[in-house]
C-alpha atoms as a PDB file:
ATOM      1  CA  THR A   1      78.260  27.356 126.752  1.00  0.00           C
ATOM      2  CA  VAL A   2      80.543  29.964 125.305  1.00  0.00           C
ATOM      3  CA  THR A   3      78.728  33.100 124.100  1.00  0.00           C
ATOM      4  CA  LEU A   4      80.417  35.822 121.986  1.00  0.00           C
ATOM      5  CA  SER A   5      79.081  39.198 121.568  1.00  0.00           C
ATOM      6  CA  GLY A   6      80.569  42.311 120.110  1.00  0.00           C
ATOM      7  CA  ALA A   7      79.740  45.436 117.978  1.00  0.00           C
ATOM      8  CA  SER A   8      81.456  44.206 114.926  1.00  0.00           C
ATOM      9  CA  LEU A   9      78.814  40.951 114.902  1.00  0.00           C
ATOM     10  CA  MET A  10      75.073  41.263 113.791  1.00  0.00           C
ATOM     11  CA  GLY A  11      73.748  39.614 116.988  1.00  0.00           C
ATOM     12  CA  VAL A  12      74.983  37.006 119.307  1.00  0.00           C
ATOM     13  CA  GLN A  13      77.135  33.840 118.438  1.00  0.00           C
ATOM     14  CA  THR A  14      77.195  30.595 120.537  1.00  0.00           C
ATOM     15  CA  SER A  15      79.170  27.448 120.998  1.00  0.00           C
ATOM     16  CA  ILE A  16      79.063  24.135 123.032  1.00  0.00           C
ATOM     17  CA  THR A  17      82.346  23.163 124.040  1.00  0.00           C
ATOM     18  CA  ALA A  18      83.812  19.794 123.351  1.00  0.00           C
ATOM     19  CA  GLU A  19      84.348  16.842 126.244  1.00  0.00           C
ATOM     20  CA  THR A  20      87.700  18.895 126.704  1.00  0.00           C
ATOM     21  CA  GLY A  21      86.356  22.380 127.130  1.00  0.00           C
ATOM     22  CA  ALA A  22      88.105  23.536 123.690  1.00  0.00           C
ATOM     23  CA  TYR A  23      85.504  25.940 121.594  1.00  0.00           C
ATOM     24  CA  ARG A  24      85.795  27.973 118.521  1.00  0.00           C
ATOM     25  CA  PHE A  25      84.355  30.451 116.476  1.00  0.00           C
ATOM     26  CA  ILE A  26      85.512  30.880 113.158  1.00  0.00           C
ATOM     27  CA  ALA A  27      85.937  34.005 110.552  1.00  0.00           C
ATOM     28  CA  LEU A  28      85.361  36.731 113.153  1.00  0.00           C
ATOM     29  CA  PRO A  29      85.481  40.420 111.882  1.00  0.00           C
ATOM     30  CA  PRO A  30      87.926  42.337 113.483  1.00  0.00           C
ATOM     31  CA  GLY A  31      87.079  44.035 116.562  1.00  0.00           C
ATOM     32  CA  ASP A  32      86.371  44.050 120.726  1.00  0.00           C
ATOM     33  CA  TYR A  33      84.091  41.302 122.028  1.00  0.00           C
ATOM     34  CA  LYS A  34      82.624  39.930 125.179  1.00  0.00           C
ATOM     35  CA  VAL A  35      82.957  36.338 125.884  1.00  0.00           C
ATOM     36  CA  VAL A  36      80.731  34.789 128.585  1.00  0.00           C
ATOM     37  CA  PHE A  37      81.387  31.116 129.833  1.00  0.00           C
ATOM     38  CA  GLU A  38      78.069  29.457 131.265  1.00  0.00           C
ATOM     39  CA  LEU A  39      77.807  25.538 132.884  1.00  0.00           C
ATOM     40  CA  PRO A  40      74.861  24.728 134.951  1.00  0.00           C
ATOM     41  CA  GLY A  41      76.162  24.275 138.682  1.00  0.00           C
ATOM     42  CA  PHE A  42      78.856  26.786 137.794  1.00  0.00           C
ATOM     43  CA  SER A  43      79.388  30.525 138.200  1.00  0.00           C
ATOM     44  CA  SER A  44      79.544  32.187 134.831  1.00  0.00           C
ATOM     45  CA  VAL A  45      82.678  33.691 133.744  1.00  0.00           C
ATOM     46  CA  VAL A  46      83.136  37.234 131.746  1.00  0.00           C
ATOM     47  CA  ARG A  47      85.790  38.368 129.587  1.00  0.00           C
ATOM     48  CA  GLU A  48      85.363  41.770 128.412  1.00  0.00           C
ATOM     49  CA  GLY A  49      87.406  43.661 125.829  1.00  0.00           C
ATOM     50  CA  VAL A  50      88.690  40.608 123.950  1.00  0.00           C
ATOM     51  CA  ARG A  51      90.459  42.353 120.759  1.00  0.00           C
ATOM     52  CA  ILE A  52      90.373  40.214 117.598  1.00  0.00           C
ATOM     53  CA  THR A  53      92.481  41.603 114.564  1.00  0.00           C
ATOM     54  CA  GLY A  54      92.679  39.929 111.411  1.00  0.00           C
ATOM     55  CA  ASN A  55      94.185  36.529 110.765  1.00  0.00           C
ATOM     56  CA  PHE A  56      94.570  35.992 114.373  1.00  0.00           C
ATOM     57  CA  THR A  57      93.851  32.857 116.924  1.00  0.00           C
ATOM     58  CA  ALA A  58      93.046  34.004 120.529  1.00  0.00           C
ATOM     59  CA  THR A  59      93.433  31.211 123.013  1.00  0.00           C
ATOM     60  CA  ILE A  60      90.919  32.239 125.955  1.00  0.00           C
ATOM     61  CA  ASN A  61      91.220  30.009 128.931  1.00  0.00           C
ATOM     62  CA  VAL A  62      89.055  30.221 131.841  1.00  0.00           C
ATOM     63  CA  GLN A  63      88.589  28.405 135.258  1.00  0.00           C
ATOM     64  CA  MET A  64      84.984  28.062 136.239  1.00  0.00           C
ATOM     65  CA  GLY A  65      84.375  27.939 140.280  1.00  0.00           C
ATOM     66  CA  VAL A  66      81.245  26.209 141.838  1.00  0.00           C
ATOM     67  CA  ALA A  67      78.237  28.298 141.948  1.00  0.00           C
ATOM     68  CA  ALA A  68      76.589  29.086 145.653  1.00  0.00           C
ATOM     69  CA  LEU A  69      74.011  27.261 146.913  1.00  0.00           C
ATOM     70  CA  GLU A  70      70.768  28.931 147.281  1.00  0.00           C
ATOM     71  CA  GLU A  71      67.541  27.965 149.097  1.00  0.00           C
END
């Protein structure tokens, strides 16, 4: 699951990745965003300060590590 939030949005947008890990958010207003990548059993990855400008495609690749075991 990829979650996108920012002052330019009215709320939060969520996307589920494809089998290849690809995801897409369409027609975002320009601004700074926070992107959170989550998958059960893996550590979450957070990218803050992602700047989107008009007519721009951003590619954000992440590698998720296995989460620590808890008892």
